[in-house]
Amino acid sequence: MDFYYHPASPYCRSVMLVAKALKLNLNMQFVDLMKDEQLRPTFTVLNPFHCVPTLVDNDLTMWESRAILVYLVDKYGRTNSRLYPKDAKTRAIINQRLFFDHGTLGTRLEDYYYPLYFEGATPGGEKLEKLEEALAVLNGYLINNPYAAGPNITLADYSLVSTVTSLEVVQHDLSKYPAISAWYEGCKATMADFQEINEIGMQQYRAYFESGLTPPATAYAVAE
């Protein structure tokens, strides 16, 4: 499988972590977002939205990281894998967490921090309140369970943990969410090659934020 990625993208890193957990070898295709390689015709023919991650598996081409996670486990995981079990109720909970990560937590993180770093927006306000609300919900999921969707680590954790790495990058205060903090440290210790996969990418992501000069096209290219 060809995997088009940039290490700064937390969503690329979630796919890389799951591939590692499944012992899959991805043919890594680096896309230099700083040189607008995602806009080249050879890439846009694969993905008209010119964003990473993008996966090509024989005649199947797909993007959207959470969809890629589900596909990898469904096709290459063990039968009834704990990462994404066949049981309808368990899958429903995992799916809800995946959609919460995409549509709520990740979106609110970007809605607050992108304008703050790239447009000089004033800190605080309603967008920060919405982000804190989402974090409180995630903390609630983790109070009674060690993982986001229950007693076992699942795709929900691999998706959510990549979003939380972005919160670490921007030094968002998670101390008021002890369940998130404990879960995050547990993920670091449990997920294979967590530090190896995340460290360089987090450094690059941090550099983009600290520069304040990341063009919007690049920001959207890594946010998926």
C-alpha atoms as a PDB file:
ATOM      1  CA  MET A   1       0.000   0.000   0.000  1.00  0.00           C
ATOM      2  CA  ASP A   2       1.202   3.487  -0.844  1.00  0.00           C
ATOM      3  CA  PHE A   3       0.727   5.896   2.036  1.00  0.00           C
ATOM      4  CA  TYR A   4       1.017   9.593   1.258  1.00  0.00           C
ATOM      5  CA  TYR A   5       1.827  11.471   4.424  1.00  0.00           C
ATOM      6  CA  HIS A   6       3.576  14.260   6.236  1.00  0.00           C
ATOM      7  CA  PRO A   7       4.809  13.587   9.792  1.00  0.00           C
ATOM      8  CA  ALA A   8       3.494  16.940  11.031  1.00  0.00           C
ATOM      9  CA  SER A   9      -0.049  15.729  10.416  1.00  0.00           C
ATOM     10  CA  PRO A  10      -1.436  14.111  13.577  1.00  0.00           C
ATOM     11  CA  TYR A  11      -3.951  12.288  11.401  1.00  0.00           C
ATOM     12  CA  CYS A  12      -1.190  10.688   9.352  1.00  0.00           C
ATOM     13  CA  ARG A  13       0.414   9.586  12.577  1.00  0.00           C
ATOM     14  CA  SER A  14      -2.791   7.905  13.781  1.00  0.00           C
ATOM     15  CA  VAL A  15      -2.740   5.748  10.639  1.00  0.00           C
ATOM     16  CA  MET A  16       0.949   4.977  11.125  1.00  0.00           C
ATOM     17  CA  LEU A  17       0.290   3.876  14.710  1.00  0.00           C
ATOM     18  CA  VAL A  18      -2.528   1.542  13.674  1.00  0.00           C
ATOM     19  CA  ALA A  19      -0.441   0.117  10.824  1.00  0.00           C
ATOM     20  CA  LYS A  20       2.290  -0.592  13.367  1.00  0.00           C
ATOM     21  CA  ALA A  21      -0.219  -2.287  15.681  1.00  0.00           C
ATOM     22  CA  LEU A  22      -1.392  -4.470  12.779  1.00  0.00           C
ATOM     23  CA  LYS A  23       2.211  -5.165  11.691  1.00  0.00           C
ATOM     24  CA  LEU A  24       1.546  -3.726   8.242  1.00  0.00           C
ATOM     25  CA  ASN A  25       4.271  -2.382   5.998  1.00  0.00           C
ATOM     26  CA  LEU A  26       3.256   0.861   4.323  1.00  0.00           C
ATOM     27  CA  ASN A  27       5.085   2.171   1.274  1.00  0.00           C
ATOM     28  CA  MET A  28       5.706   5.628   2.701  1.00  0.00           C
ATOM     29  CA  GLN A  29       5.332   8.473   0.205  1.00  0.00           C
ATOM     30  CA  PHE A  30       6.413  11.765   1.766  1.00  0.00           C
ATOM     31  CA  VAL A  31       4.450  14.793   0.555  1.00  0.00           C
ATOM     32  CA  ASP A  32       6.334  18.030   1.245  1.00  0.00           C
ATOM     33  CA  LEU A  33       3.532  20.392   2.171  1.00  0.00           C
ATOM     34  CA  MET A  34       5.938  23.305   2.536  1.00  0.00           C
ATOM     35  CA  LYS A  35       6.746  22.962  -1.163  1.00  0.00           C
ATOM     36  CA  ASP A  36       3.060  22.527  -2.085  1.00  0.00           C
ATOM     37  CA  GLU A  37       3.657  19.032  -3.384  1.00  0.00           C
ATOM     38  CA  GLN A  38       0.073  18.215  -2.414  1.00  0.00           C
ATOM     39  CA  LEU A  39      -1.023  20.531  -5.250  1.00  0.00           C
ATOM     40  CA  ARG A  40       0.883  18.707  -7.972  1.00  0.00           C
ATOM     41  CA  PRO A  41      -1.326  17.035 -10.624  1.00  0.00           C
ATOM     42  CA  THR A  42       0.217  13.645  -9.848  1.00  0.00           C
ATOM     43  CA  PHE A  43      -1.199  13.929  -6.331  1.00  0.00           C
ATOM     44  CA  THR A  44      -4.489  15.727  -6.990  1.00  0.00           C
ATOM     45  CA  VAL A  45      -5.434  13.012  -9.469  1.00  0.00           C
ATOM     46  CA  LEU A  46      -5.398  10.692  -6.455  1.00  0.00           C
ATOM     47  CA  ASN A  47      -6.977  13.129  -4.018  1.00  0.00           C
ATOM     48  CA  PRO A  48      -8.807  16.163  -5.417  1.00  0.00           C
ATOM     49  CA  PHE A  49      -8.869  17.678  -1.921  1.00  0.00           C
ATOM     50  CA  HIS A  50      -5.041  17.553  -1.919  1.00  0.00           C
ATOM     51  CA  CYS A  51      -4.681  16.573   1.717  1.00  0.00           C
ATOM     52  CA  VAL A  52      -2.878  13.946   3.718  1.00  0.00           C
ATOM     53  CA  PRO A  53      -3.196  11.186   4.708  1.00  0.00           C
ATOM     54  CA  THR A  54      -4.053   9.428   1.469  1.00  0.00           C
ATOM     55  CA  LEU A  55      -3.906   5.649   1.048  1.00  0.00           C
ATOM     56  CA  VAL A  56      -3.677   3.685  -2.198  1.00  0.00           C
ATOM     57  CA  ASP A  57      -4.257  -0.048  -1.900  1.00  0.00           C
ATOM     58  CA  ASN A  58      -4.302  -1.578  -5.382  1.00  0.00           C
ATOM     59  CA  ASP A  59      -7.425  -0.142  -7.055  1.00  0.00           C
ATOM     60  CA  LEU A  60      -8.696   1.596  -3.904  1.00  0.00           C
ATOM     61  CA  THR A  61      -7.728   5.188  -3.160  1.00  0.00           C
ATOM     62  CA  MET A  62      -9.037   6.864  -0.028  1.00  0.00           C
ATOM     63  CA  TRP A  63      -8.468   9.739   2.330  1.00  0.00           C
ATOM     64  CA  GLU A  64     -10.044  10.776   5.666  1.00  0.00           C
ATOM     65  CA  SER A  65      -7.899   9.232   8.388  1.00  0.00           C
ATOM     66  CA  ARG A  66     -10.711   7.625  10.400  1.00  0.00           C
ATOM     67  CA  ALA A  67     -12.035   5.866   7.307  1.00  0.00           C
ATOM     68  CA  ILE A  68      -8.512   4.610   6.617  1.00  0.00           C
ATOM     69  CA  LEU A  69      -8.224   3.280  10.181  1.00  0.00           C
ATOM     70  CA  VAL A  70     -11.460   1.311   9.823  1.00  0.00           C
ATOM     71  CA  TYR A  71     -10.435  -0.044   6.431  1.00  0.00           C
ATOM     72  CA  LEU A  72      -7.045  -1.264   7.651  1.00  0.00           C
ATOM     73  CA  VAL A  73      -8.558  -3.205  10.546  1.00  0.00           C
ATOM     74  CA  ASP A  74     -11.462  -4.581   8.498  1.00  0.00           C
ATOM     75  CA  LYS A  75      -9.178  -5.831   5.739  1.00  0.00           C
ATOM     76  CA  TYR A  76      -5.936  -6.649   7.517  1.00  0.00           C
ATOM     77  CA  GLY A  77      -6.814  -7.093  11.197  1.00  0.00           C
ATOM     78  CA  ARG A  78      -7.568 -10.346  12.943  1.00  0.00           C
ATOM     79  CA  THR A  79     -11.128 -11.623  12.812  1.00  0.00           C
ATOM     80  CA  ASN A  80     -13.118  -9.707  15.421  1.00  0.00           C
ATOM     81  CA  SER A  81     -10.073  -7.591  16.260  1.00  0.00           C
ATOM     82  CA  ARG A  82     -10.320  -5.781  19.570  1.00  0.00           C
ATOM     83  CA  LEU A  83      -9.322  -2.609  17.766  1.00  0.00           C
ATOM     84  CA  TYR A  84     -12.668  -2.641  15.915  1.00  0.00           C
ATOM     85  CA  PRO A  85     -14.810  -5.625  16.965  1.00  0.00           C
ATOM     86  CA  LYS A  86     -17.665  -6.985  14.873  1.00  0.00           C
ATOM     87  CA  ASP A  87     -20.182  -6.509  17.690  1.00  0.00           C
ATOM     88  CA  ALA A  88     -22.615  -3.812  16.555  1.00  0.00           C
ATOM     89  CA  LYS A  89     -22.926  -2.063  19.930  1.00  0.00           C
ATOM     90  CA  THR A  90     -19.174  -1.912  20.472  1.00  0.00           C
ATOM     91  CA  ARG A  91     -18.662  -0.608  16.947  1.00  0.00           C
ATOM     92  CA  ALA A  92     -21.342   2.008  17.484  1.00  0.00           C
ATOM     93  CA  ILE A  93     -19.495   3.333  20.553  1.00  0.00           C
ATOM     94  CA  ILE A  94     -16.165   3.340  18.695  1.00  0.00           C
ATOM     95  CA  ASN A  95     -17.762   5.088  15.710  1.00  0.00           C
ATOM     96  CA  GLN A  96     -19.288   7.713  17.978  1.00  0.00           C
ATOM     97  CA  ARG A  97     -15.878   8.420  19.489  1.00  0.00           C
ATOM     98  CA  LEU A  98     -14.286   8.614  16.031  1.00  0.00           C
ATOM     99  CA  PHE A  99     -16.936  11.059  14.826  1.00  0.00           C
ATOM    100  CA  PHE A 100     -16.639  13.035  18.073  1.00  0.00           C
ATOM    101  CA  ASP A 101     -12.901  13.307  17.484  1.00  0.00           C
ATOM    102  CA  HIS A 102     -13.363  14.455  13.890  1.00  0.00           C
ATOM    103  CA  GLY A 103     -16.413  16.660  14.174  1.00  0.00           C
ATOM    104  CA  THR A 104     -16.092  18.063  17.682  1.00  0.00           C
ATOM    105  CA  LEU A 105     -12.756  17.778  19.488  1.00  0.00           C
ATOM    106  CA  GLY A 106     -10.440  18.126  16.476  1.00  0.00           C
ATOM    107  CA  THR A 107     -12.596  20.801  14.884  1.00  0.00           C
ATOM    108  CA  ARG A 108     -12.799  22.882  18.057  1.00  0.00           C
ATOM    109  CA  LEU A 109      -9.049  22.586  18.591  1.00  0.00           C
ATOM    110  CA  GLU A 110      -8.394  23.944  15.099  1.00  0.00           C
ATOM    111  CA  ASP A 111     -11.149  26.581  15.361  1.00  0.00           C
ATOM    112  CA  TYR A 112      -9.483  28.007  18.447  1.00  0.00           C
ATOM    113  CA  TYR A 113      -5.759  27.555  17.878  1.00  0.00           C
ATOM    114  CA  TYR A 114      -5.386  28.174  14.135  1.00  0.00           C
ATOM    115  CA  PRO A 115      -6.719  31.772  14.325  1.00  0.00           C
ATOM    116  CA  LEU A 116      -4.763  32.301  17.546  1.00  0.00           C
ATOM    117  CA  TYR A 117      -1.420  31.390  15.968  1.00  0.00           C
ATOM    118  CA  PHE A 118      -1.909  32.270  12.318  1.00  0.00           C
ATOM    119  CA  GLU A 119      -4.254  35.267  12.428  1.00  0.00           C
ATOM    120  CA  GLY A 120      -3.351  36.948  15.714  1.00  0.00           C
ATOM    121  CA  ALA A 121      -6.756  36.291  17.280  1.00  0.00           C
ATOM    122  CA  THR A 122      -7.350  37.244  20.896  1.00  0.00           C
ATOM    123  CA  PRO A 123      -6.976  34.335  23.351  1.00  0.00           C
ATOM    124  CA  GLY A 124     -10.001  33.073  25.247  1.00  0.00           C
ATOM    125  CA  GLY A 125     -13.618  33.598  24.367  1.00  0.00           C
ATOM    126  CA  GLU A 126     -16.351  31.300  23.105  1.00  0.00           C
ATOM    127  CA  LYS A 127     -14.082  29.124  20.948  1.00  0.00           C
ATOM    128  CA  LEU A 128     -11.925  28.266  23.934  1.00  0.00           C
ATOM    129  CA  GLU A 129     -15.039  27.492  25.978  1.00  0.00           C
ATOM    130  CA  LYS A 130     -16.213  25.098  23.262  1.00  0.00           C
ATOM    131  CA  LEU A 131     -12.834  23.364  23.218  1.00  0.00           C
ATOM    132  CA  GLU A 132     -12.904  22.992  26.999  1.00  0.00           C
ATOM    133  CA  GLU A 133     -16.436  21.603  26.756  1.00  0.00           C
ATOM    134  CA  ALA A 134     -15.239  18.928  24.322  1.00  0.00           C
ATOM    135  CA  LEU A 135     -12.312  18.046  26.577  1.00  0.00           C
ATOM    136  CA  ALA A 136     -14.664  17.691  29.539  1.00  0.00           C
ATOM    137  CA  VAL A 137     -16.721  15.226  27.511  1.00  0.00           C
ATOM    138  CA  LEU A 138     -13.613  13.205  26.615  1.00  0.00           C
ATOM    139  CA  ASN A 139     -12.549  13.244  30.262  1.00  0.00           C
ATOM    140  CA  GLY A 140     -15.991  11.888  31.147  1.00  0.00           C
ATOM    141  CA  TYR A 141     -15.571   8.993  28.727  1.00  0.00           C
ATOM    142  CA  LEU A 142     -12.321   8.091  30.473  1.00  0.00           C
ATOM    143  CA  ILE A 143     -13.359   8.382  34.109  1.00  0.00           C
ATOM    144  CA  ASN A 144     -14.947   4.938  34.295  1.00  0.00           C
ATOM    145  CA  ASN A 145     -12.971   3.219  31.548  1.00  0.00           C
ATOM    146  CA  PRO A 146      -9.249   2.974  30.841  1.00  0.00           C
ATOM    147  CA  TYR A 147      -9.856   3.607  27.149  1.00  0.00           C
ATOM    148  CA  ALA A 148     -12.130   5.874  25.150  1.00  0.00           C
ATOM    149  CA  ALA A 149     -14.655   3.215  24.105  1.00  0.00           C
ATOM    150  CA  GLY A 150     -14.439   0.813  27.041  1.00  0.00           C
ATOM    151  CA  PRO A 151     -12.042  -1.623  28.697  1.00  0.00           C
ATOM    152  CA  ASN A 152      -9.914  -2.301  25.612  1.00  0.00           C
ATOM    153  CA  ILE A 153      -7.799  -0.100  23.380  1.00  0.00           C
ATOM    154  CA  THR A 154      -9.572   0.517  20.066  1.00  0.00           C
ATOM    155  CA  LEU A 155      -9.380   2.674  16.964  1.00  0.00           C
ATOM    156  CA  ALA A 156     -11.052   5.416  18.988  1.00  0.00           C
ATOM    157  CA  ASP A 157      -7.934   5.746  21.112  1.00  0.00           C
ATOM    158  CA  TYR A 158      -5.588   5.804  18.118  1.00  0.00           C
ATOM    159  CA  SER A 159      -7.592   8.621  16.577  1.00  0.00           C
ATOM    160  CA  LEU A 160      -8.130  10.645  19.751  1.00  0.00           C
ATOM    161  CA  VAL A 161      -4.548  10.322  20.972  1.00  0.00           C
ATOM    162  CA  SER A 162      -3.285  11.964  17.788  1.00  0.00           C
ATOM    163  CA  THR A 163      -5.566  14.924  18.401  1.00  0.00           C
ATOM    164  CA  VAL A 164      -4.334  15.162  21.981  1.00  0.00           C
ATOM    165  CA  THR A 165      -0.731  15.280  20.726  1.00  0.00           C
ATOM    166  CA  SER A 166      -1.708  18.563  19.076  1.00  0.00           C
ATOM    167  CA  LEU A 167      -2.900  19.857  22.438  1.00  0.00           C
ATOM    168  CA  GLU A 168       0.497  18.937  23.848  1.00  0.00           C
ATOM    169  CA  VAL A 169       2.192  20.804  21.001  1.00  0.00           C
ATOM    170  CA  VAL A 170       0.309  24.024  21.787  1.00  0.00           C
ATOM    171  CA  GLN A 171       0.827  23.430  25.536  1.00  0.00           C
ATOM    172  CA  HIS A 172      -2.862  23.365  26.315  1.00  0.00           C
ATOM    173  CA  ASP A 173      -3.404  22.882  30.042  1.00  0.00           C
ATOM    174  CA  LEU A 174      -4.776  19.368  30.571  1.00  0.00           C
ATOM    175  CA  SER A 175      -4.211  19.340  34.321  1.00  0.00           C
ATOM    176  CA  LYS A 176      -7.906  19.914  34.975  1.00  0.00           C
ATOM    177  CA  TYR A 177      -8.647  16.680  33.095  1.00  0.00           C
ATOM    178  CA  PRO A 178      -6.858  13.975  35.111  1.00  0.00           C
ATOM    179  CA  ALA A 179      -8.551  11.118  33.285  1.00  0.00           C
ATOM    180  CA  ILE A 180      -7.285  12.426  29.937  1.00  0.00           C
ATOM    181  CA  SER A 181      -3.803  12.924  31.321  1.00  0.00           C
ATOM    182  CA  ALA A 182      -3.656   9.374  32.725  1.00  0.00           C
ATOM    183  CA  TRP A 183      -5.040   7.881  29.506  1.00  0.00           C
ATOM    184  CA  TYR A 184      -2.597   9.858  27.394  1.00  0.00           C
ATOM    185  CA  GLU A 185       0.371   8.617  29.383  1.00  0.00           C
ATOM    186  CA  GLY A 186      -1.015   5.089  29.132  1.00  0.00           C
ATOM    187  CA  CYS A 187      -1.303   5.377  25.358  1.00  0.00           C
ATOM    188  CA  LYS A 188       2.291   6.554  25.144  1.00  0.00           C
ATOM    189  CA  ALA A 189       3.400   3.489  27.084  1.00  0.00           C
ATOM    190  CA  THR A 190       1.108   0.992  25.323  1.00  0.00           C
ATOM    191  CA  MET A 191       1.048   1.902  21.633  1.00  0.00           C
ATOM    192  CA  ALA A 192       3.917   0.396  19.665  1.00  0.00           C
ATOM    193  CA  ASP A 193       6.569   2.925  18.603  1.00  0.00           C
ATOM    194  CA  PHE A 194       4.513   5.842  19.915  1.00  0.00           C
ATOM    195  CA  GLN A 195       7.499   8.092  20.531  1.00  0.00           C
ATOM    196  CA  GLU A 196       9.280   7.106  17.329  1.00  0.00           C
ATOM    197  CA  ILE A 197       6.232   7.847  15.186  1.00  0.00           C
ATOM    198  CA  ASN A 198       5.164  11.019  16.976  1.00  0.00           C
ATOM    199  CA  GLU A 199       8.301  12.826  18.086  1.00  0.00           C
ATOM    200  CA  ILE A 200       9.556  14.229  14.769  1.00  0.00           C
ATOM    201  CA  GLY A 201       6.039  15.038  13.608  1.00  0.00           C
ATOM    202  CA  MET A 202       5.197  16.865  16.809  1.00  0.00           C
ATOM    203  CA  GLN A 203       8.388  18.908  16.542  1.00  0.00           C
ATOM    204  CA  GLN A 204       7.480  19.949  12.995  1.00  0.00           C
ATOM    205  CA  TYR A 205       3.881  20.697  13.941  1.00  0.00           C
ATOM    206  CA  ARG A 206       5.158  22.819  16.837  1.00  0.00           C
ATOM    207  CA  ALA A 207       7.475  24.692  14.459  1.00  0.00           C
ATOM    208  CA  TYR A 208       4.525  25.550  12.194  1.00  0.00           C
ATOM    209  CA  PHE A 209       2.585  26.980  15.103  1.00  0.00           C
ATOM    210  CA  GLU A 210       5.516  28.892  16.529  1.00  0.00           C
ATOM    211  CA  SER A 211       6.385  30.434  13.166  1.00  0.00           C
ATOM    212  CA  GLY A 212       2.859  31.766  12.750  1.00  0.00           C
ATOM    213  CA  LEU A 213       3.554  31.757   9.024  1.00  0.00           C
ATOM    214  CA  THR A 214       1.930  28.513   7.912  1.00  0.00           C
ATOM    215  CA  PRO A 215      -0.220  29.259   4.837  1.00  0.00           C
ATOM    216  CA  PRO A 216      -3.870  28.223   5.141  1.00  0.00           C
ATOM    217  CA  ALA A 217      -3.545  25.717   2.280  1.00  0.00           C
ATOM    218  CA  THR A 218      -0.833  23.884   4.182  1.00  0.00           C
ATOM    219  CA  ALA A 219      -2.767  23.976   7.447  1.00  0.00           C
ATOM    220  CA  TYR A 220      -5.792  22.369   5.811  1.00  0.00           C
ATOM    221  CA  ALA A 221      -3.601  19.849   4.011  1.00  0.00           C
ATOM    222  CA  VAL A 222      -2.472  18.369   7.345  1.00  0.00           C
ATOM    223  CA  ALA A 223      -5.848  18.615   9.079  1.00  0.00           C
ATOM    224  CA  GLU A 224      -7.834  15.602   8.110  1.00  0.00           C
END
